[in-house]
Amino acid sequence: MFEKILLPLDFSEASEIVVPYAEELAGKLGSEVILHYVRAQDHEELEHFFLGYLDSLAETIKQNVKKKSAKEIKLTTEVTTGEPSQNICELVSKNKIDLIIMASVSAAGLKIGKMLGSVTDHVCHTVPIPVLLIRPQPAQLTTKRNLFNKILIPIDGSELSKRALTVGQEAAAQLKIPIVLFEMATVVYPSRGTPYINGTDYIKINERDEQVIEYNYAKMNQAEERGVLAELISIEKKLRDKGLTVDYRITSGIDAAKEIIQISKEVGTDLIIMSTHGRSGLNRWLMGSVAEKVLRYGEVPLLLINARAN
């Protein structure tokens, strides 16, 4: 798993927040780490300086990994020329990269989702491999012994959203950490202006057939919760049968991103793994927009699995 990890860097302090996370994964998984910098066309005379920076950082990473895990890992450096997002995508294909680790903010401190056309945003929507996005963290958090101790995997009932489970269960097994599954039972409300019969039912006139249709939203929401519970129990059993430590959480609501962030705080997860696209509709949420909100307002690293990838 994650045999080759790519770290795109831009000489900014913001981009280097990924380094401790790469060290931990490389040390525990034995991954090769590739440090990459894209220089401007007119900076050819500075290439030796860029390579020196990457080589120095590579040596620091190598020593830190050896100190923590007593492992020797392979590190390579590469400076390319051109447009950053395009070069990163080409490097992924050429070097058969398994994981990209990037900062979720630019050098200017702008978060993804507010960075239209940004490198991070473009890479997340383009590459067919997982992208681990790291938020700035207090220094005491990035120096603790283990940065990854518990994984939260949100799903939305769709098969596409469950692709995160494949990566999540393998990560949990190799890192030897527990998983918390989460699914939100979407609350169904009657539309505005609908006449009520009582506190939970309302009527709708079908003008064509002149029929009165009655809806009981309490029963509809109960059915939604039962369906979510049954699904999580089934997934939990399958993961436990594979020897993993698993728990699950269910909430009812209408804002999936808010619920994910709250659950992450409550159970103390330090990594969220989720697919970028899932089912949308009356009883489910749209994973792509949810993932962006979790990244924008959440507090822990987010591993995005592009559900459209083959």
C-alpha atoms as a PDB file:
ATOM      1  CA  MET A   1       0.000   0.000   0.000  1.00  0.00           C
ATOM      2  CA  PHE A   2       1.264   3.452  -0.968  1.00  0.00           C
ATOM      3  CA  GLU A   3       4.570   2.173  -2.307  1.00  0.00           C
ATOM      4  CA  LYS A   4       5.380   5.580  -3.788  1.00  0.00           C
ATOM      5  CA  ILE A   5       4.428   8.873  -2.129  1.00  0.00           C
ATOM      6  CA  LEU A   6       4.753  12.202  -3.917  1.00  0.00           C
ATOM      7  CA  LEU A   7       5.338  15.423  -1.981  1.00  0.00           C
ATOM      8  CA  PRO A   8       4.844  18.527  -4.164  1.00  0.00           C
ATOM      9  CA  LEU A   9       6.686  21.452  -2.554  1.00  0.00           C
ATOM     10  CA  ASP A  10       6.924  25.144  -3.372  1.00  0.00           C
ATOM     11  CA  PHE A  11       9.547  26.395  -0.895  1.00  0.00           C
ATOM     12  CA  SER A  12       6.821  27.793   1.358  1.00  0.00           C
ATOM     13  CA  GLU A  13       6.354  26.932   5.018  1.00  0.00           C
ATOM     14  CA  ALA A  14       2.758  26.004   4.185  1.00  0.00           C
ATOM     15  CA  SER A  15       3.810  23.299   1.738  1.00  0.00           C
ATOM     16  CA  GLU A  16       6.241  21.736   4.229  1.00  0.00           C
ATOM     17  CA  ILE A  17       3.532  20.895   6.775  1.00  0.00           C
ATOM     18  CA  VAL A  18       3.156  17.608   4.895  1.00  0.00           C
ATOM     19  CA  VAL A  19       6.639  16.381   5.805  1.00  0.00           C
ATOM     20  CA  PRO A  20       5.910  14.810   9.258  1.00  0.00           C
ATOM     21  CA  TYR A  21       2.960  12.894   7.761  1.00  0.00           C
ATOM     22  CA  ALA A  22       5.087  11.573   4.914  1.00  0.00           C
ATOM     23  CA  GLU A  23       7.734  10.508   7.423  1.00  0.00           C
ATOM     24  CA  GLU A  24       5.218   8.553   9.479  1.00  0.00           C
ATOM     25  CA  LEU A  25       3.639   6.779   6.505  1.00  0.00           C
ATOM     26  CA  ALA A  26       6.985   6.018   4.870  1.00  0.00           C
ATOM     27  CA  GLY A  27       8.397   4.705   8.140  1.00  0.00           C
ATOM     28  CA  LYS A  28       5.451   2.394   8.812  1.00  0.00           C
ATOM     29  CA  LEU A  29       4.703   1.341   5.233  1.00  0.00           C
ATOM     30  CA  GLY A  30       8.225   1.339   3.797  1.00  0.00           C
ATOM     31  CA  SER A  31       7.177   3.746   1.054  1.00  0.00           C
ATOM     32  CA  GLU A  32       9.490   5.514  -1.361  1.00  0.00           C
ATOM     33  CA  VAL A  33       9.137   9.302  -1.063  1.00  0.00           C
ATOM     34  CA  ILE A  34       9.562  11.589  -4.059  1.00  0.00           C
ATOM     35  CA  LEU A  35      10.133  15.303  -3.377  1.00  0.00           C
ATOM     36  CA  HIS A  36       9.033  17.443  -6.295  1.00  0.00           C
ATOM     37  CA  TYR A  37       9.417  21.096  -7.173  1.00  0.00           C
ATOM     38  CA  VAL A  38       8.224  22.857 -10.329  1.00  0.00           C
ATOM     39  CA  ARG A  39      10.357  25.806 -11.360  1.00  0.00           C
ATOM     40  CA  ALA A  40       9.477  28.635 -13.695  1.00  0.00           C
ATOM     41  CA  GLN A  41      10.843  28.633 -17.241  1.00  0.00           C
ATOM     42  CA  ASP A  42      13.085  31.635 -16.546  1.00  0.00           C
ATOM     43  CA  HIS A  43      14.663  30.156 -13.404  1.00  0.00           C
ATOM     44  CA  GLU A  44      16.987  27.685 -15.126  1.00  0.00           C
ATOM     45  CA  GLU A  45      20.075  29.218 -13.507  1.00  0.00           C
ATOM     46  CA  LEU A  46      18.576  28.485 -10.062  1.00  0.00           C
ATOM     47  CA  GLU A  47      17.957  24.770 -10.622  1.00  0.00           C
ATOM     48  CA  HIS A  48      21.026  23.787  -8.582  1.00  0.00           C
ATOM     49  CA  PHE A  49      19.607  25.797  -5.676  1.00  0.00           C
ATOM     50  CA  PHE A  50      16.229  24.031  -5.934  1.00  0.00           C
ATOM     51  CA  LEU A  51      17.894  20.613  -6.075  1.00  0.00           C
ATOM     52  CA  GLY A  52      20.042  21.494  -3.072  1.00  0.00           C
ATOM     53  CA  TYR A  53      16.931  22.407  -1.104  1.00  0.00           C
ATOM     54  CA  LEU A  54      15.205  19.135  -1.993  1.00  0.00           C
ATOM     55  CA  ASP A  55      18.334  17.061  -1.282  1.00  0.00           C
ATOM     56  CA  SER A  56      18.732  18.669   2.139  1.00  0.00           C
ATOM     57  CA  LEU A  57      15.090  18.055   2.988  1.00  0.00           C
ATOM     58  CA  ALA A  58      15.360  14.452   1.755  1.00  0.00           C
ATOM     59  CA  GLU A  59      18.288  13.814   4.081  1.00  0.00           C
ATOM     60  CA  THR A  60      16.353  15.270   7.016  1.00  0.00           C
ATOM     61  CA  ILE A  61      13.366  13.036   6.251  1.00  0.00           C
ATOM     62  CA  LYS A  62      15.600   9.984   5.945  1.00  0.00           C
ATOM     63  CA  GLN A  63      17.216  10.642   9.336  1.00  0.00           C
ATOM     64  CA  ASN A  64      13.856  11.317  11.035  1.00  0.00           C
ATOM     65  CA  VAL A  65      12.364   8.081   9.698  1.00  0.00           C
ATOM     66  CA  LYS A  66      15.394   6.092  10.801  1.00  0.00           C
ATOM     67  CA  LYS A  67      15.235   7.661  14.255  1.00  0.00           C
ATOM     68  CA  LYS A  68      11.527   6.832  14.731  1.00  0.00           C
ATOM     69  CA  SER A  69      11.216   3.461  12.997  1.00  0.00           C
ATOM     70  CA  ALA A  70      14.791   2.260  12.482  1.00  0.00           C
ATOM     71  CA  LYS A  71      13.989   1.852   8.778  1.00  0.00           C
ATOM     72  CA  GLU A  72      15.911   2.939   5.732  1.00  0.00           C
ATOM     73  CA  ILE A  73      13.613   4.417   3.097  1.00  0.00           C
ATOM     74  CA  LYS A  74      14.246   5.453  -0.473  1.00  0.00           C
ATOM     75  CA  LEU A  75      13.996   9.159  -1.266  1.00  0.00           C
ATOM     76  CA  THR A  76      14.323  10.773  -4.663  1.00  0.00           C
ATOM     77  CA  THR A  77      14.146  14.406  -5.737  1.00  0.00           C
ATOM     78  CA  GLU A  78      12.941  15.914  -8.982  1.00  0.00           C
ATOM     79  CA  VAL A  79      12.756  19.443 -10.348  1.00  0.00           C
ATOM     80  CA  THR A  80      10.601  19.979 -13.413  1.00  0.00           C
ATOM     81  CA  THR A  81       9.698  23.007 -15.476  1.00  0.00           C
ATOM     82  CA  GLY A  82       6.270  24.320 -16.428  1.00  0.00           C
ATOM     83  CA  GLU A  83       2.814  24.514 -14.937  1.00  0.00           C
ATOM     84  CA  PRO A  84       2.688  22.873 -11.445  1.00  0.00           C
ATOM     85  CA  SER A  85      -0.627  21.006 -11.613  1.00  0.00           C
ATOM     86  CA  GLN A  86       0.098  19.582 -15.063  1.00  0.00           C
ATOM     87  CA  ASN A  87       3.602  18.494 -14.040  1.00  0.00           C
ATOM     88  CA  ILE A  88       2.295  16.806 -10.898  1.00  0.00           C
ATOM     89  CA  CYS A  89      -0.300  14.867 -12.885  1.00  0.00           C
ATOM     90  CA  GLU A  90       2.320  13.792 -15.447  1.00  0.00           C
ATOM     91  CA  LEU A  91       4.684  12.709 -12.674  1.00  0.00           C
ATOM     92  CA  VAL A  92       1.934  10.578 -11.113  1.00  0.00           C
ATOM     93  CA  SER A  93       1.505   8.685 -14.366  1.00  0.00           C
ATOM     94  CA  LYS A  94       5.202   8.406 -15.224  1.00  0.00           C
ATOM     95  CA  ASN A  95       6.381   7.239 -11.794  1.00  0.00           C
ATOM     96  CA  LYS A  96       3.296   5.176 -10.891  1.00  0.00           C
ATOM     97  CA  ILE A  97       2.662   7.215  -7.749  1.00  0.00           C
ATOM     98  CA  ASP A  98       0.215   5.670  -5.221  1.00  0.00           C
ATOM     99  CA  LEU A  99      -0.396   8.693  -2.975  1.00  0.00           C
ATOM    100  CA  ILE A 100       0.051  12.450  -3.099  1.00  0.00           C
ATOM    101  CA  ILE A 101       0.392  14.413   0.137  1.00  0.00           C
ATOM    102  CA  MET A 102      -0.315  18.134  -0.229  1.00  0.00           C
ATOM    103  CA  ALA A 103      -1.061  21.096   1.987  1.00  0.00           C
ATOM    104  CA  SER A 104      -4.703  22.157   1.986  1.00  0.00           C
ATOM    105  CA  VAL A 105      -3.678  25.802   1.890  1.00  0.00           C
ATOM    106  CA  SER A 106      -1.598  27.806  -0.518  1.00  0.00           C
ATOM    107  CA  ALA A 107       1.395  29.903   0.417  1.00  0.00           C
ATOM    108  CA  ALA A 108      -1.069  32.778   0.777  1.00  0.00           C
ATOM    109  CA  GLY A 109      -3.103  30.800   3.303  1.00  0.00           C
ATOM    110  CA  LEU A 110      -6.141  30.260   1.082  1.00  0.00           C
ATOM    111  CA  LYS A 111      -8.050  27.042   1.647  1.00  0.00           C
ATOM    112  CA  ILE A 112      -9.119  24.701  -1.097  1.00  0.00           C
ATOM    113  CA  GLY A 113     -12.609  25.522  -2.290  1.00  0.00           C
ATOM    114  CA  LYS A 114     -11.680  29.201  -2.362  1.00  0.00           C
ATOM    115  CA  MET A 115      -8.748  28.596  -4.673  1.00  0.00           C
ATOM    116  CA  LEU A 116     -10.362  28.416  -8.128  1.00  0.00           C
ATOM    117  CA  GLY A 117      -7.772  27.094 -10.549  1.00  0.00           C
ATOM    118  CA  SER A 118      -5.303  26.344  -7.742  1.00  0.00           C
ATOM    119  CA  VAL A 119      -2.773  23.537  -7.952  1.00  0.00           C
ATOM    120  CA  THR A 120      -4.309  21.599  -5.081  1.00  0.00           C
ATOM    121  CA  ASP A 121      -7.828  21.934  -6.401  1.00  0.00           C
ATOM    122  CA  HIS A 122      -6.814  20.872  -9.918  1.00  0.00           C
ATOM    123  CA  VAL A 123      -4.819  17.866  -8.714  1.00  0.00           C
ATOM    124  CA  CYS A 124      -7.650  16.644  -6.477  1.00  0.00           C
ATOM    125  CA  HIS A 125     -10.078  16.708  -9.404  1.00  0.00           C
ATOM    126  CA  THR A 126      -7.671  15.178 -11.924  1.00  0.00           C
ATOM    127  CA  VAL A 127      -5.456  12.416 -10.554  1.00  0.00           C
ATOM    128  CA  PRO A 128      -6.952   8.899 -10.238  1.00  0.00           C
ATOM    129  CA  ILE A 129      -5.120   8.181  -6.968  1.00  0.00           C
ATOM    130  CA  PRO A 130      -5.688   9.119  -3.318  1.00  0.00           C
ATOM    131  CA  VAL A 131      -4.678  12.627  -2.249  1.00  0.00           C
ATOM    132  CA  LEU A 132      -3.956  13.305   1.417  1.00  0.00           C
ATOM    133  CA  LEU A 133      -4.623  16.956   2.266  1.00  0.00           C
ATOM    134  CA  ILE A 134      -2.988  18.324   5.408  1.00  0.00           C
ATOM    135  CA  ARG A 135      -4.243  21.322   7.333  1.00  0.00           C
ATOM    136  CA  PRO A 136      -1.868  23.504   9.362  1.00  0.00           C
ATOM    137  CA  GLN A 137      -1.572  21.983  12.830  1.00  0.00           C
ATOM    138  CA  PRO A 138      -0.233  23.263  16.159  1.00  0.00           C
ATOM    139  CA  ALA A 139       3.414  22.281  16.605  1.00  0.00           C
ATOM    140  CA  GLN A 140       2.651  19.960  19.530  1.00  0.00           C
ATOM    141  CA  LEU A 141       0.378  17.845  17.316  1.00  0.00           C
ATOM    142  CA  THR A 142       2.912  17.270  14.555  1.00  0.00           C
ATOM    143  CA  THR A 143       5.606  16.236  17.045  1.00  0.00           C
ATOM    144  CA  LYS A 144       3.542  13.596  18.874  1.00  0.00           C
ATOM    145  CA  ARG A 145       4.692  10.005  18.494  1.00  0.00           C
ATOM    146  CA  ASN A 146       1.889   8.894  16.155  1.00  0.00           C
ATOM    147  CA  LEU A 147       0.064  11.329  13.895  1.00  0.00           C
ATOM    148  CA  PHE A 148      -2.478   8.713  12.817  1.00  0.00           C
ATOM    149  CA  ASN A 149      -4.313   6.938  15.642  1.00  0.00           C
ATOM    150  CA  LYS A 150      -7.931   6.559  14.512  1.00  0.00           C
ATOM    151  CA  ILE A 151      -9.654   6.740  11.118  1.00  0.00           C
ATOM    152  CA  LEU A 152     -13.133   8.108  10.401  1.00  0.00           C
ATOM    153  CA  ILE A 153     -14.795   6.839   7.203  1.00  0.00           C
ATOM    154  CA  PRO A 154     -18.048   8.592   6.226  1.00  0.00           C
ATOM    155  CA  ILE A 155     -20.289   6.834   3.700  1.00  0.00           C
ATOM    156  CA  ASP A 156     -23.570   7.892   2.110  1.00  0.00           C
ATOM    157  CA  GLY A 157     -25.116   4.577   1.122  1.00  0.00           C
ATOM    158  CA  SER A 158     -23.732   4.566  -2.426  1.00  0.00           C
ATOM    159  CA  GLU A 159     -21.254   2.057  -3.829  1.00  0.00           C
ATOM    160  CA  LEU A 160     -19.027   4.912  -4.944  1.00  0.00           C
ATOM    161  CA  SER A 161     -18.767   6.302  -1.428  1.00  0.00           C
ATOM    162  CA  LYS A 162     -17.760   2.850  -0.192  1.00  0.00           C
ATOM    163  CA  ARG A 163     -14.572   2.968  -2.245  1.00  0.00           C
ATOM    164  CA  ALA A 164     -13.080   4.795   0.713  1.00  0.00           C
ATOM    165  CA  LEU A 165     -13.601   1.604   2.727  1.00  0.00           C
ATOM    166  CA  THR A 166     -11.101  -0.307   0.573  1.00  0.00           C
ATOM    167  CA  VAL A 167      -8.344   2.198   1.277  1.00  0.00           C
ATOM    168  CA  GLY A 168      -9.449   2.745   4.871  1.00  0.00           C
ATOM    169  CA  GLN A 169      -9.390  -0.901   5.892  1.00  0.00           C
ATOM    170  CA  GLU A 170      -5.959  -1.452   4.358  1.00  0.00           C
ATOM    171  CA  ALA A 171      -4.596   1.679   6.042  1.00  0.00           C
ATOM    172  CA  ALA A 172      -6.052   0.622   9.395  1.00  0.00           C
ATOM    173  CA  ALA A 173      -4.571  -2.866   9.081  1.00  0.00           C
ATOM    174  CA  GLN A 174      -1.073  -1.658   8.196  1.00  0.00           C
ATOM    175  CA  LEU A 175      -1.018   1.235  10.643  1.00  0.00           C
ATOM    176  CA  LYS A 176      -2.684  -0.933  13.314  1.00  0.00           C
ATOM    177  CA  ILE A 177      -5.303   1.659  14.228  1.00  0.00           C
ATOM    178  CA  PRO A 178      -9.119   1.479  14.661  1.00  0.00           C
ATOM    179  CA  ILE A 179     -11.828   2.627  12.265  1.00  0.00           C
ATOM    180  CA  VAL A 180     -14.998   4.583  13.039  1.00  0.00           C
ATOM    181  CA  LEU A 181     -17.711   4.325  10.380  1.00  0.00           C
ATOM    182  CA  PHE A 182     -20.189   7.170  10.012  1.00  0.00           C
ATOM    183  CA  GLU A 183     -23.401   7.643   8.103  1.00  0.00           C
ATOM    184  CA  MET A 184     -25.984  10.387   8.425  1.00  0.00           C
ATOM    185  CA  ALA A 185     -29.673   9.532   8.229  1.00  0.00           C
ATOM    186  CA  THR A 186     -31.030  12.441   6.215  1.00  0.00           C
ATOM    187  CA  VAL A 187     -33.996  14.120   7.882  1.00  0.00           C
ATOM    188  CA  VAL A 188     -36.965  14.521   5.535  1.00  0.00           C
ATOM    189  CA  TYR A 189     -39.101  17.637   5.988  1.00  0.00           C
ATOM    190  CA  PRO A 190     -42.358  18.589   4.258  1.00  0.00           C
ATOM    191  CA  SER A 191     -42.102  21.370   1.720  1.00  0.00           C
ATOM    192  CA  ARG A 192     -42.947  24.937   2.741  1.00  0.00           C
ATOM    193  CA  GLY A 193     -46.638  25.777   2.599  1.00  0.00           C
ATOM    194  CA  THR A 194     -47.803  22.177   2.872  1.00  0.00           C
ATOM    195  CA  PRO A 195     -51.042  21.851   4.938  1.00  0.00           C
ATOM    196  CA  TYR A 196     -50.618  19.655   8.013  1.00  0.00           C
ATOM    197  CA  ILE A 197     -53.087  17.098   9.324  1.00  0.00           C
ATOM    198  CA  ASN A 198     -51.212  16.801  12.614  1.00  0.00           C
ATOM    199  CA  GLY A 199     -47.692  17.187  13.937  1.00  0.00           C
ATOM    200  CA  THR A 200     -46.128  14.656  11.579  1.00  0.00           C
ATOM    201  CA  ASP A 201     -48.533  14.127   8.676  1.00  0.00           C
ATOM    202  CA  TYR A 202     -49.523  16.433   5.891  1.00  0.00           C
ATOM    203  CA  ILE A 203     -51.804  16.252   2.884  1.00  0.00           C
ATOM    204  CA  LYS A 204     -51.180  16.911  -0.755  1.00  0.00           C
ATOM    205  CA  ILE A 205     -53.907  17.185  -3.361  1.00  0.00           C
ATOM    206  CA  ASN A 206     -53.207  15.300  -6.546  1.00  0.00           C
ATOM    207  CA  GLU A 207     -55.149  17.586  -8.867  1.00  0.00           C
ATOM    208  CA  ARG A 208     -55.112  15.227 -11.810  1.00  0.00           C
ATOM    209  CA  ASP A 209     -56.767  12.322  -9.975  1.00  0.00           C
ATOM    210  CA  GLU A 210     -58.413  14.451  -7.294  1.00  0.00           C
ATOM    211  CA  GLN A 211     -56.850  12.243  -4.621  1.00  0.00           C
ATOM    212  CA  VAL A 212     -55.583  13.165  -1.177  1.00  0.00           C
ATOM    213  CA  ILE A 213     -52.087  11.816  -0.503  1.00  0.00           C
ATOM    214  CA  GLU A 214     -50.983  11.565   3.114  1.00  0.00           C
ATOM    215  CA  TYR A 215     -47.298  11.590   4.140  1.00  0.00           C
ATOM    216  CA  ASN A 216     -46.015  10.570   7.559  1.00  0.00           C
ATOM    217  CA  TYR A 217     -42.535  12.057   7.844  1.00  0.00           C
ATOM    218  CA  ALA A 218     -41.890  10.553  11.264  1.00  0.00           C
ATOM    219  CA  LYS A 219     -42.244   7.080   9.758  1.00  0.00           C
ATOM    220  CA  MET A 220     -40.147   8.034   6.736  1.00  0.00           C
ATOM    221  CA  ASN A 221     -37.314   9.246   8.968  1.00  0.00           C
ATOM    222  CA  GLN A 222     -37.511   6.140  11.141  1.00  0.00           C
ATOM    223  CA  ALA A 223     -37.249   3.977   8.033  1.00  0.00           C
ATOM    224  CA  GLU A 224     -34.200   5.987   6.895  1.00  0.00           C
ATOM    225  CA  GLU A 225     -32.496   5.471  10.261  1.00  0.00           C
ATOM    226  CA  ARG A 226     -33.219   1.735  10.227  1.00  0.00           C
ATOM    227  CA  GLY A 227     -31.734   1.438   6.744  1.00  0.00           C
ATOM    228  CA  VAL A 228     -28.581   3.323   7.756  1.00  0.00           C
ATOM    229  CA  LEU A 229     -28.177   1.238  10.919  1.00  0.00           C
ATOM    230  CA  ALA A 230     -28.546  -2.042   9.033  1.00  0.00           C
ATOM    231  CA  GLU A 231     -25.953  -0.963   6.491  1.00  0.00           C
ATOM    232  CA  LEU A 232     -23.387   0.098   9.109  1.00  0.00           C
ATOM    233  CA  ILE A 233     -23.864  -3.085  11.134  1.00  0.00           C
ATOM    234  CA  SER A 234     -23.262  -5.148   7.998  1.00  0.00           C
ATOM    235  CA  ILE A 235     -20.089  -3.244   7.099  1.00  0.00           C
ATOM    236  CA  GLU A 236     -18.839  -3.364  10.689  1.00  0.00           C
ATOM    237  CA  LYS A 237     -19.186  -7.153  10.773  1.00  0.00           C
ATOM    238  CA  LYS A 238     -17.258  -7.583   7.531  1.00  0.00           C
ATOM    239  CA  LEU A 239     -14.409  -5.418   8.787  1.00  0.00           C
ATOM    240  CA  ARG A 240     -14.328  -7.136  12.183  1.00  0.00           C
ATOM    241  CA  ASP A 241     -14.143 -10.496  10.421  1.00  0.00           C
ATOM    242  CA  LYS A 242     -10.926  -9.213   8.833  1.00  0.00           C
ATOM    243  CA  GLY A 243      -9.457  -8.582  12.279  1.00  0.00           C
ATOM    244  CA  LEU A 244      -9.982  -4.825  12.385  1.00  0.00           C
ATOM    245  CA  THR A 245     -11.155  -2.790  15.356  1.00  0.00           C
ATOM    246  CA  VAL A 246     -14.337  -1.038  14.228  1.00  0.00           C
ATOM    247  CA  ASP A 247     -17.041   1.172  15.707  1.00  0.00           C
ATOM    248  CA  TYR A 248     -19.811   3.167  14.059  1.00  0.00           C
ATOM    249  CA  ARG A 249     -21.803   6.331  14.592  1.00  0.00           C
ATOM    250  CA  ILE A 250     -25.165   7.469  13.219  1.00  0.00           C
ATOM    251  CA  THR A 251     -26.718  10.911  13.379  1.00  0.00           C
ATOM    252  CA  SER A 252     -29.822  12.440  11.851  1.00  0.00           C
ATOM    253  CA  GLY A 253     -29.533  15.747  10.061  1.00  0.00           C
ATOM    254  CA  ILE A 254     -29.423  17.708   6.843  1.00  0.00           C
ATOM    255  CA  ASP A 255     -25.796  18.949   6.802  1.00  0.00           C
ATOM    256  CA  ALA A 256     -23.506  15.952   6.331  1.00  0.00           C
ATOM    257  CA  ALA A 257     -20.256  17.942   6.464  1.00  0.00           C
ATOM    258  CA  LYS A 258     -21.191  19.508   9.793  1.00  0.00           C
ATOM    259  CA  GLU A 259     -22.065  16.087  11.215  1.00  0.00           C
ATOM    260  CA  ILE A 260     -18.794  14.559   9.985  1.00  0.00           C
ATOM    261  CA  ILE A 261     -16.718  17.319  11.574  1.00  0.00           C
ATOM    262  CA  GLN A 262     -18.629  17.026  14.856  1.00  0.00           C
ATOM    263  CA  ILE A 263     -18.300  13.233  14.985  1.00  0.00           C
ATOM    264  CA  SER A 264     -14.585  13.499  14.227  1.00  0.00           C
ATOM    265  CA  LYS A 265     -14.157  15.719  17.281  1.00  0.00           C
ATOM    266  CA  GLU A 266     -16.313  13.534  19.516  1.00  0.00           C
ATOM    267  CA  VAL A 267     -14.519  10.263  18.763  1.00  0.00           C
ATOM    268  CA  GLY A 268     -11.045  11.790  18.469  1.00  0.00           C
ATOM    269  CA  THR A 269     -10.136  10.785  14.929  1.00  0.00           C
ATOM    270  CA  ASP A 270      -7.047  12.288  13.327  1.00  0.00           C
ATOM    271  CA  LEU A 271      -7.664  11.135   9.759  1.00  0.00           C
ATOM    272  CA  ILE A 272     -10.828  11.234   7.654  1.00  0.00           C
ATOM    273  CA  ILE A 273     -11.020   9.073   4.532  1.00  0.00           C
ATOM    274  CA  MET A 274     -13.835   9.702   2.098  1.00  0.00           C
ATOM    275  CA  SER A 275     -14.749   9.427  -1.560  1.00  0.00           C
ATOM    276  CA  THR A 276     -15.131  12.633  -3.509  1.00  0.00           C
ATOM    277  CA  HIS A 277     -18.421  11.749  -5.199  1.00  0.00           C
ATOM    278  CA  GLY A 278     -21.421   9.705  -4.148  1.00  0.00           C
ATOM    279  CA  ARG A 279     -25.162   9.501  -4.526  1.00  0.00           C
ATOM    280  CA  SER A 280     -27.368  12.553  -4.320  1.00  0.00           C
ATOM    281  CA  GLY A 281     -31.111  12.856  -3.938  1.00  0.00           C
ATOM    282  CA  LEU A 282     -33.854  13.016  -1.326  1.00  0.00           C
ATOM    283  CA  ASN A 283     -32.331  10.598   1.161  1.00  0.00           C
ATOM    284  CA  ARG A 284     -28.601  10.918   0.478  1.00  0.00           C
ATOM    285  CA  TRP A 285     -25.928  13.572   0.255  1.00  0.00           C
ATOM    286  CA  LEU A 286     -23.576  14.636  -2.507  1.00  0.00           C
ATOM    287  CA  MET A 287     -20.106  13.480  -1.446  1.00  0.00           C
ATOM    288  CA  GLY A 288     -18.147  15.926  -3.585  1.00  0.00           C
ATOM    289  CA  SER A 289     -19.532  19.069  -1.988  1.00  0.00           C
ATOM    290  CA  VAL A 290     -19.463  17.441   1.457  1.00  0.00           C
ATOM    291  CA  ALA A 291     -15.760  16.628   1.093  1.00  0.00           C
ATOM    292  CA  GLU A 292     -14.984  20.229   0.180  1.00  0.00           C
ATOM    293  CA  LYS A 293     -16.848  21.519   3.245  1.00  0.00           C
ATOM    294  CA  VAL A 294     -15.099  19.003   5.516  1.00  0.00           C
ATOM    295  CA  LEU A 295     -11.760  20.187   4.174  1.00  0.00           C
ATOM    296  CA  ARG A 296     -12.652  23.844   4.504  1.00  0.00           C
ATOM    297  CA  TYR A 297     -14.038  23.721   8.039  1.00  0.00           C
ATOM    298  CA  GLY A 298     -12.582  20.526   9.510  1.00  0.00           C
ATOM    299  CA  GLU A 299      -9.484  20.259  11.663  1.00  0.00           C
ATOM    300  CA  VAL A 300      -7.834  16.966  10.697  1.00  0.00           C
ATOM    301  CA  PRO A 301      -6.115  15.576   7.584  1.00  0.00           C
ATOM    302  CA  LEU A 302      -8.456  14.417   4.831  1.00  0.00           C
ATOM    303  CA  LEU A 303      -7.632  11.548   2.486  1.00  0.00           C
ATOM    304  CA  LEU A 304      -9.687  11.923  -0.695  1.00  0.00           C
ATOM    305  CA  ILE A 305     -10.447   8.878  -2.832  1.00  0.00           C
ATOM    306  CA  ASN A 306     -11.518   9.831  -6.343  1.00  0.00           C
ATOM    307  CA  ALA A 307     -14.562   7.620  -6.832  1.00  0.00           C
ATOM    308  CA  ARG A 308     -14.514   8.235 -10.577  1.00  0.00           C
ATOM    309  CA  ALA A 309     -11.141   6.540 -10.969  1.00  0.00           C
ATOM    310  CA  ASN A 310     -11.005   3.085 -12.532  1.00  0.00           C
END
